[in-house]
Amino acid sequence: MFARLSQALLIGSGLLFGAGLPALAQERPDYEPYREGLFLRYLNAEPGEIDGVPRIGLSFGGRPLRAELDSGSTGIVVASEFVPGFEQMPSQGPAKLTYTSSGRVMVGQWVVTPVSLVGREGASVTTQPLPVMVVTEVQCLDYARECRPTMSPRNIAMVGIGFAREGDKQSQSTPDKNPLLHVTGGEGRRRQGYILSPEGVHIGLTAANTRGAFRYVKLARRPDGADWASLPACIALGGSTLPACGSVLVDTGVSVMYMTVPASQAAGAEGTLPPGTQVAISIGEEGSAFPLYSFAVGDGSPMAPSAVHLRVADNAPPFVNTSYHLLNGFDVLYDGEGGYVGFRPH
């Protein structure tokens, strides 16, 4: 399969979504019965592209905060300054969440409250009461890239909508804390899930917003059954026909790519990849993966990350975090009920 993939690579960054390859059989979910969906435009949306971590309004009943929409974590995380009287709210106990990309460790309490998410034109959705992490302290890992410890955290507002994050120092980041999977209201049937696009997010999967050439992957369940497993993927560097297969994270919370590959794939690179190195990402299990996209490091193309942080390890599973730049080539769907991820090329 990767011999054919190497022949199909485009010059620079490009879509490889089945380029020059026969379509592979795929299981397609049926969203025809569903009508409850709403589009929230990012507060910092630019026409047709994404060039920064998306922002969305977050409200606990008052004026909305300007929060980051992060598909690389799960759960709403907000500084205690923004939740006056949280001590009197229903609590689920101590909270702790680590952002491994920055090395910041959030410490606080899980309080239970409904929240509203607000888009650029004022459209909004409201959730049922769910756990929200109120941050009272920020700690730092020893290897933190960006972190300043404090007992008086400020300006923290994150809406985490990712899945399968429990294994990345986020054991408390379970689906019950994902606000986009607990939206209320409407008069019809609702399919809890979302579609990320360059300009905004569709909340609720419907017959209308799932039209088009989505390519789907059916996720496995985590062994404990509490969440879906991570999205399987394969990484090929420098035109390699022997990819490293592990998992991929579509992370709207970062501009850079984080990658872990074995030494055989790194070809002597350490810490980062040399400019011009070809990177090709395919989606699915080894042997049945389909090519998604490729880029050359430093080519400045829309889907290429601003930088690549490389970890070379033979004792760790291969992994790639795409950064938000992937949304310049694809809309990305997550079905939290059925366990599907879908990619629709622009």
Protein backbone atom coordinates (compact mmCIF):
# COMPACT_ATOMS: atom_id res chain seq x y z
CA MET A 1 0.00 0.00 0.00
CA PHE A 2 2.77 2.48 0.83
CA ALA A 3 4.59 1.70 -2.39
CA ARG A 4 1.48 3.02 -4.17
CA LEU A 5 1.31 5.89 -1.68
CA SER A 6 4.84 7.03 -2.44
CA GLN A 7 3.94 7.22 -6.14
CA ALA A 8 0.84 9.29 -5.32
CA LEU A 9 2.58 11.94 -3.20
CA LEU A 10 1.98 15.45 -4.37
CA ILE A 11 4.69 18.10 -4.59
CA GLY A 12 4.68 20.06 -1.32
CA SER A 13 1.70 19.81 0.98
CA GLY A 14 -1.32 18.14 -0.53
CA LEU A 15 -4.38 15.99 -0.13
CA LEU A 16 -3.71 12.29 -0.56
CA PHE A 17 -7.30 11.42 0.16
CA GLY A 18 -7.46 8.34 -2.06
CA ALA A 19 -5.29 10.06 -4.67
CA GLY A 20 -4.66 7.57 -7.46
CA LEU A 21 -5.87 4.68 -5.31
CA PRO A 22 -8.97 2.49 -5.49
CA ALA A 23 -11.56 3.25 -2.82
CA LEU A 24 -11.33 1.00 0.21
CA ALA A 25 -14.47 -0.50 1.69
CA GLN A 26 -15.67 1.56 4.63
CA GLU A 27 -18.50 1.48 7.13
CA ARG A 28 -20.64 4.61 6.77
CA PRO A 29 -22.94 5.69 9.63
CA ASP A 30 -26.52 6.74 8.89
CA TYR A 31 -27.31 10.31 10.00
CA GLU A 32 -30.58 10.65 8.05
CA PRO A 33 -32.83 10.44 11.16
CA TYR A 34 -31.11 13.43 12.82
CA ARG A 35 -32.00 17.11 12.43
CA GLU A 36 -30.68 18.81 15.58
CA GLY A 37 -27.47 20.66 14.71
CA LEU A 38 -26.08 24.18 14.99
CA PHE A 39 -23.02 25.89 13.53
CA LEU A 40 -20.91 28.07 15.85
CA ARG A 41 -18.45 30.28 14.01
CA TYR A 42 -15.13 30.75 15.83
CA LEU A 43 -14.70 34.15 17.43
CA ASN A 44 -11.43 34.53 15.51
CA ALA A 45 -12.63 32.93 12.26
CA GLU A 46 -11.08 33.98 8.96
CA PRO A 47 -12.89 33.24 5.67
CA GLY A 48 -11.97 29.80 4.41
CA GLU A 49 -8.90 29.19 6.56
CA ILE A 50 -7.60 28.67 10.07
CA ASP A 51 -4.43 30.38 11.22
CA GLY A 52 -4.65 30.20 15.01
CA VAL A 53 -6.11 28.18 17.86
CA PRO A 54 -9.90 28.58 17.48
CA ARG A 55 -11.73 30.64 20.10
CA ILE A 56 -15.31 30.22 21.24
CA GLY A 57 -17.52 31.92 23.81
CA LEU A 58 -17.97 30.13 27.16
CA SER A 59 -20.66 31.21 29.61
CA PHE A 60 -21.82 30.06 33.03
CA GLY A 61 -24.86 32.31 32.88
CA GLY A 62 -23.11 35.67 32.56
CA ARG A 63 -21.04 37.40 29.93
CA PRO A 64 -19.21 34.85 27.74
CA LEU A 65 -15.48 34.29 28.21
CA ARG A 66 -13.20 34.00 25.21
CA ALA A 67 -12.06 30.35 25.44
CA GLU A 68 -9.83 28.09 23.36
CA LEU A 69 -11.56 25.19 21.58
CA ASP A 70 -9.16 22.29 22.07
CA SER A 71 -9.64 18.88 20.47
CA GLY A 72 -6.42 17.69 22.12
CA SER A 73 -7.94 17.52 25.62
CA THR A 74 -11.28 16.65 27.19
CA GLY A 75 -13.27 18.86 29.53
CA ILE A 76 -13.81 22.52 30.29
CA VAL A 77 -10.92 24.00 32.25
CA VAL A 78 -11.32 27.51 33.64
CA ALA A 79 -9.50 29.69 36.19
CA SER A 80 -11.32 30.14 39.51
CA GLU A 81 -11.48 33.92 38.90
CA PHE A 82 -14.14 33.27 36.24
CA VAL A 83 -16.42 31.14 38.46
CA PRO A 84 -17.34 33.18 41.53
CA GLY A 85 -18.92 31.09 44.27
CA PHE A 86 -17.70 27.79 42.85
CA GLU A 87 -17.11 26.54 46.39
CA GLN A 88 -20.91 26.34 46.84
CA MET A 89 -21.49 24.39 43.61
CA PRO A 90 -22.00 20.61 43.57
CA SER A 91 -18.53 19.03 43.48
CA GLN A 92 -17.06 15.77 42.25
CA GLY A 93 -13.84 16.30 44.17
CA PRO A 94 -10.22 17.15 43.33
CA ALA A 95 -9.25 17.72 39.70
CA LYS A 96 -5.94 17.36 37.90
CA LEU A 97 -5.14 17.62 34.20
CA THR A 98 -1.77 17.73 32.43
CA TYR A 99 -1.16 19.33 29.05
CA THR A 100 1.85 17.37 27.83
CA SER A 101 2.50 19.71 24.88
CA SER A 102 3.25 22.63 27.23
CA GLY A 103 4.03 20.80 30.49
CA ARG A 104 1.39 22.70 32.46
CA VAL A 105 -0.50 20.82 35.18
CA MET A 106 -3.90 22.20 36.17
CA VAL A 107 -5.03 21.51 39.75
CA GLY A 108 -8.43 22.36 41.20
CA GLN A 109 -11.96 21.03 41.69
CA TRP A 110 -14.58 19.42 39.47
CA VAL A 111 -17.82 21.35 39.93
CA VAL A 112 -21.09 20.43 38.22
CA THR A 113 -22.88 23.11 36.23
CA PRO A 114 -24.55 23.67 32.85
CA VAL A 115 -22.58 25.80 30.38
CA SER A 116 -23.33 27.68 27.18
CA LEU A 117 -21.05 27.86 24.15
CA VAL A 118 -21.41 30.91 21.93
CA GLY A 119 -20.31 31.57 18.34
CA ARG A 120 -19.26 34.73 16.58
CA GLU A 121 -22.75 35.75 15.42
CA GLY A 122 -24.33 34.95 18.78
CA ALA A 123 -25.57 31.42 18.04
CA SER A 124 -25.29 29.24 21.14
CA VAL A 125 -25.87 25.80 22.60
CA THR A 126 -26.37 24.82 26.23
CA THR A 127 -25.30 21.61 27.92
CA GLN A 128 -26.87 19.57 30.65
CA PRO A 129 -25.08 19.96 34.00
CA LEU A 130 -21.60 18.41 33.63
CA PRO A 131 -18.26 18.45 35.46
CA VAL A 132 -16.18 21.60 34.88
CA MET A 133 -12.63 21.93 36.19
CA VAL A 134 -12.11 25.09 38.23
CA VAL A 135 -8.35 25.73 38.40
CA THR A 136 -6.91 26.95 41.69
CA GLU A 137 -3.22 26.17 41.03
CA VAL A 138 -0.88 25.64 38.07
CA GLN A 139 2.10 23.30 38.46
CA CYS A 140 4.82 22.49 35.93
CA LEU A 141 6.39 19.25 34.74
CA ASP A 142 10.19 19.06 34.92
CA TYR A 143 10.44 19.15 31.11
CA ALA A 144 7.79 21.84 30.59
CA ARG A 145 8.15 23.89 27.40
CA GLU A 146 5.88 26.73 28.45
CA CYS A 147 4.87 26.94 32.10
CA ARG A 148 4.92 29.27 35.08
CA PRO A 149 3.69 27.79 38.39
CA THR A 150 1.19 29.88 40.31
CA MET A 151 -1.26 29.66 43.20
CA SER A 152 -3.34 32.46 41.62
CA PRO A 153 -4.12 31.27 38.08
CA ARG A 154 -5.56 33.79 35.66
CA ASN A 155 -6.76 33.93 32.08
CA ILE A 156 -7.35 30.18 31.77
CA ALA A 157 -10.38 29.20 29.69
CA MET A 158 -10.24 25.99 27.67
CA VAL A 159 -13.05 23.96 26.13
CA GLY A 160 -11.67 20.45 25.63
CA ILE A 161 -13.63 18.34 23.13
CA GLY A 162 -11.19 15.50 22.40
CA PHE A 163 -11.55 11.75 22.93
CA ALA A 164 -9.25 8.93 24.03
CA ARG A 165 -7.12 11.35 26.05
CA GLU A 166 -7.13 9.41 29.34
CA GLY A 167 -3.78 7.75 28.67
CA ASP A 168 -1.84 11.01 28.15
CA LYS A 169 -1.61 12.10 31.81
CA GLN A 170 -5.32 12.99 31.64
CA SER A 171 -6.92 10.09 33.51
CA GLN A 172 -9.88 12.23 34.58
CA SER A 173 -10.62 13.38 31.02
CA THR A 174 -13.56 11.08 30.39
CA PRO A 175 -16.47 11.53 27.93
CA ASP A 176 -18.86 12.72 30.64
CA LYS A 177 -16.82 15.97 30.69
CA ASN A 178 -16.97 16.68 26.94
CA PRO A 179 -19.46 19.54 26.51
CA LEU A 180 -20.16 18.83 22.83
CA LEU A 181 -21.45 15.36 23.75
CA HIS A 182 -23.98 16.68 26.29
CA VAL A 183 -25.90 19.37 24.43
CA THR A 184 -29.59 19.80 25.31
CA GLY A 185 -32.56 21.47 23.65
CA GLY A 186 -34.25 21.05 20.30
CA GLU A 187 -37.34 19.14 19.34
CA GLY A 188 -35.98 16.22 17.35
CA ARG A 189 -33.49 13.40 17.66
CA ARG A 190 -29.92 14.47 18.31
CA ARG A 191 -26.72 12.63 17.42
CA GLN A 192 -24.08 13.79 19.90
CA GLY A 193 -20.95 14.67 17.98
CA TYR A 194 -19.37 17.49 16.02
CA ILE A 195 -17.59 18.53 12.83
CA LEU A 196 -14.55 20.82 12.99
CA SER A 197 -14.03 23.12 10.02
CA PRO A 198 -11.61 25.99 9.34
CA GLU A 199 -14.26 28.61 10.24
CA GLY A 200 -16.35 26.98 12.97
CA VAL A 201 -17.80 23.86 14.52
CA HIS A 202 -21.02 22.02 13.69
CA ILE A 203 -22.47 20.73 16.98
CA GLY A 204 -24.76 17.76 16.54
CA LEU A 205 -24.49 15.45 13.51
CA THR A 206 -27.31 15.71 11.00
CA ALA A 207 -28.27 14.51 7.54
CA ALA A 208 -27.42 18.00 6.24
CA ASN A 209 -24.03 18.72 7.79
CA THR A 210 -22.64 15.24 7.08
CA ARG A 211 -23.23 15.40 3.34
CA GLY A 212 -20.26 15.12 1.04
CA ALA A 213 -17.27 12.86 0.59
CA PHE A 214 -16.56 11.91 4.19
CA ARG A 215 -14.17 8.98 4.62
CA TYR A 216 -14.95 7.21 7.91
CA VAL A 217 -12.99 5.11 10.36
CA LYS A 218 -14.81 3.01 12.97
CA LEU A 219 -13.06 3.32 16.32
CA ALA A 220 -12.46 0.45 18.71
CA ARG A 221 -13.43 0.71 22.36
CA ARG A 222 -10.86 1.24 25.08
CA PRO A 223 -10.29 -1.95 27.08
CA ASP A 224 -12.20 -0.50 30.07
CA GLY A 225 -15.12 0.44 27.81
CA ALA A 226 -15.23 4.00 29.17
CA ASP A 227 -14.26 5.75 25.93
CA TRP A 228 -13.38 5.14 22.31
CA ALA A 229 -9.80 4.22 21.49
CA SER A 230 -7.47 6.65 19.74
CA LEU A 231 -7.54 6.99 15.96
CA PRO A 232 -5.09 4.56 14.29
CA ALA A 233 -2.67 6.02 11.76
CA CYS A 234 0.66 5.43 10.01
CA ILE A 235 3.56 7.85 9.46
CA ALA A 236 5.99 7.70 6.55
CA LEU A 237 9.01 10.04 6.49
CA GLY A 238 11.24 10.84 3.54
CA GLY A 239 9.25 8.75 1.09
CA SER A 240 9.63 5.58 3.17
CA THR A 241 7.63 2.56 2.02
CA LEU A 242 7.83 1.03 5.54
CA PRO A 243 5.62 3.30 7.67
CA ALA A 244 5.53 3.51 11.46
CA CYS A 245 1.97 2.74 12.56
CA GLY A 246 0.38 3.92 15.78
CA SER A 247 -2.13 6.73 16.34
CA VAL A 248 -2.95 10.29 15.31
CA LEU A 249 -4.44 13.21 17.24
CA VAL A 250 -6.16 16.08 15.43
CA ASP A 251 -5.37 18.81 17.95
CA THR A 252 -6.84 22.29 17.44
CA GLY A 253 -5.02 23.52 20.54
CA VAL A 254 -1.53 23.73 18.97
CA SER A 255 0.12 25.13 15.84
CA VAL A 256 3.06 22.71 15.83
CA MET A 257 3.23 18.99 15.11
CA TYR A 258 4.37 16.53 17.79
CA MET A 259 5.65 13.23 16.44
CA THR A 260 7.06 10.02 17.92
CA VAL A 261 8.71 7.51 15.57
CA PRO A 262 11.26 4.67 15.91
CA ALA A 263 14.88 5.29 14.97
CA SER A 264 14.43 3.34 11.73
CA GLN A 265 11.89 5.90 10.52
CA ALA A 266 13.77 8.99 11.78
CA ALA A 267 16.83 8.30 9.61
CA GLY A 268 19.18 10.02 12.06
CA ALA A 269 16.99 13.06 12.78
CA GLU A 270 16.64 14.17 16.40
CA GLY A 271 14.51 16.86 17.99
CA THR A 272 13.11 18.07 14.70
CA LEU A 273 12.96 17.12 11.02
CA PRO A 274 15.27 18.77 8.46
CA PRO A 275 13.60 21.24 6.08
CA GLY A 276 12.29 19.52 2.98
CA THR A 277 11.64 16.17 4.69
CA GLN A 278 8.52 14.60 3.22
CA VAL A 279 5.87 13.64 5.81
CA ALA A 280 2.92 11.45 4.77
CA ILE A 281 0.05 10.55 7.11
CA SER A 282 -2.42 7.75 6.48
CA ILE A 283 -5.46 6.82 8.57
CA GLY A 284 -6.45 3.38 9.80
CA GLU A 285 -4.80 0.18 10.90
CA GLU A 286 -1.63 -1.07 9.24
CA GLY A 287 -2.56 -2.98 6.09
CA SER A 288 -5.88 -1.19 5.59
CA ALA A 289 -4.93 2.47 6.07
CA PHE A 290 -5.85 5.07 3.47
CA PRO A 291 -3.57 8.02 2.66
CA LEU A 292 -4.76 11.36 4.04
CA TYR A 293 -2.21 14.10 3.30
CA SER A 294 1.45 14.95 2.96
CA PHE A 295 3.72 17.96 3.22
CA ALA A 296 7.38 18.87 3.08
CA VAL A 297 8.78 20.31 6.31
CA GLY A 298 9.09 24.08 6.02
CA ASP A 299 7.15 24.40 2.77
CA GLY A 300 4.73 26.91 4.33
CA SER A 301 1.68 25.30 2.76
CA PRO A 302 -1.75 25.55 4.48
CA MET A 303 -1.80 22.08 6.06
CA ALA A 304 1.86 22.06 7.12
CA PRO A 305 2.47 22.74 10.84
CA SER A 306 4.49 25.75 11.92
CA ALA A 307 7.16 23.36 13.28
CA VAL A 308 7.71 19.65 13.94
CA HIS A 309 8.84 18.44 17.38
CA LEU A 310 10.32 14.97 16.91
CA ARG A 311 10.75 12.30 19.56
CA VAL A 312 12.73 9.23 18.51
CA ALA A 313 11.87 6.18 20.62
CA ASP A 314 11.85 2.48 19.84
CA ASN A 315 9.98 1.68 23.07
CA ALA A 316 7.02 4.03 22.51
CA PRO A 317 4.16 3.63 20.04
CA PRO A 318 4.36 5.86 16.94
CA PHE A 319 2.24 8.98 17.28
CA VAL A 320 1.53 12.20 15.43
CA ASN A 321 -0.33 15.33 16.52
CA THR A 322 -1.38 17.13 13.33
CA SER A 323 -1.96 20.65 14.79
CA TYR A 324 -4.93 22.75 13.75
CA HIS A 325 -3.44 23.23 10.26
CA LEU A 326 -5.05 19.96 9.11
CA LEU A 327 -8.39 21.79 9.06
CA ASN A 328 -7.17 23.80 6.08
CA GLY A 329 -7.53 20.61 4.04
CA PHE A 330 -10.31 18.68 5.79
CA ASP A 331 -13.42 18.98 7.88
CA VAL A 332 -13.03 16.47 10.74
CA LEU A 333 -16.05 14.66 12.21
CA TYR A 334 -16.29 12.94 15.57
CA ASP A 335 -19.31 10.80 16.42
CA GLY A 336 -19.24 10.29 20.19
CA GLU A 337 -22.21 7.93 20.17
CA GLY A 338 -21.30 5.60 17.33
CA GLY A 339 -17.51 5.87 17.57
CA TYR A 340 -16.64 7.22 14.14
CA VAL A 341 -14.10 9.72 12.87
CA GLY A 342 -14.59 11.15 9.40
CA PHE A 343 -12.53 13.31 7.03
CA ARG A 344 -14.16 15.44 4.31
CA PRO A 345 -11.73 17.16 1.92
CA HIS A 346 -12.37 20.77 1.00
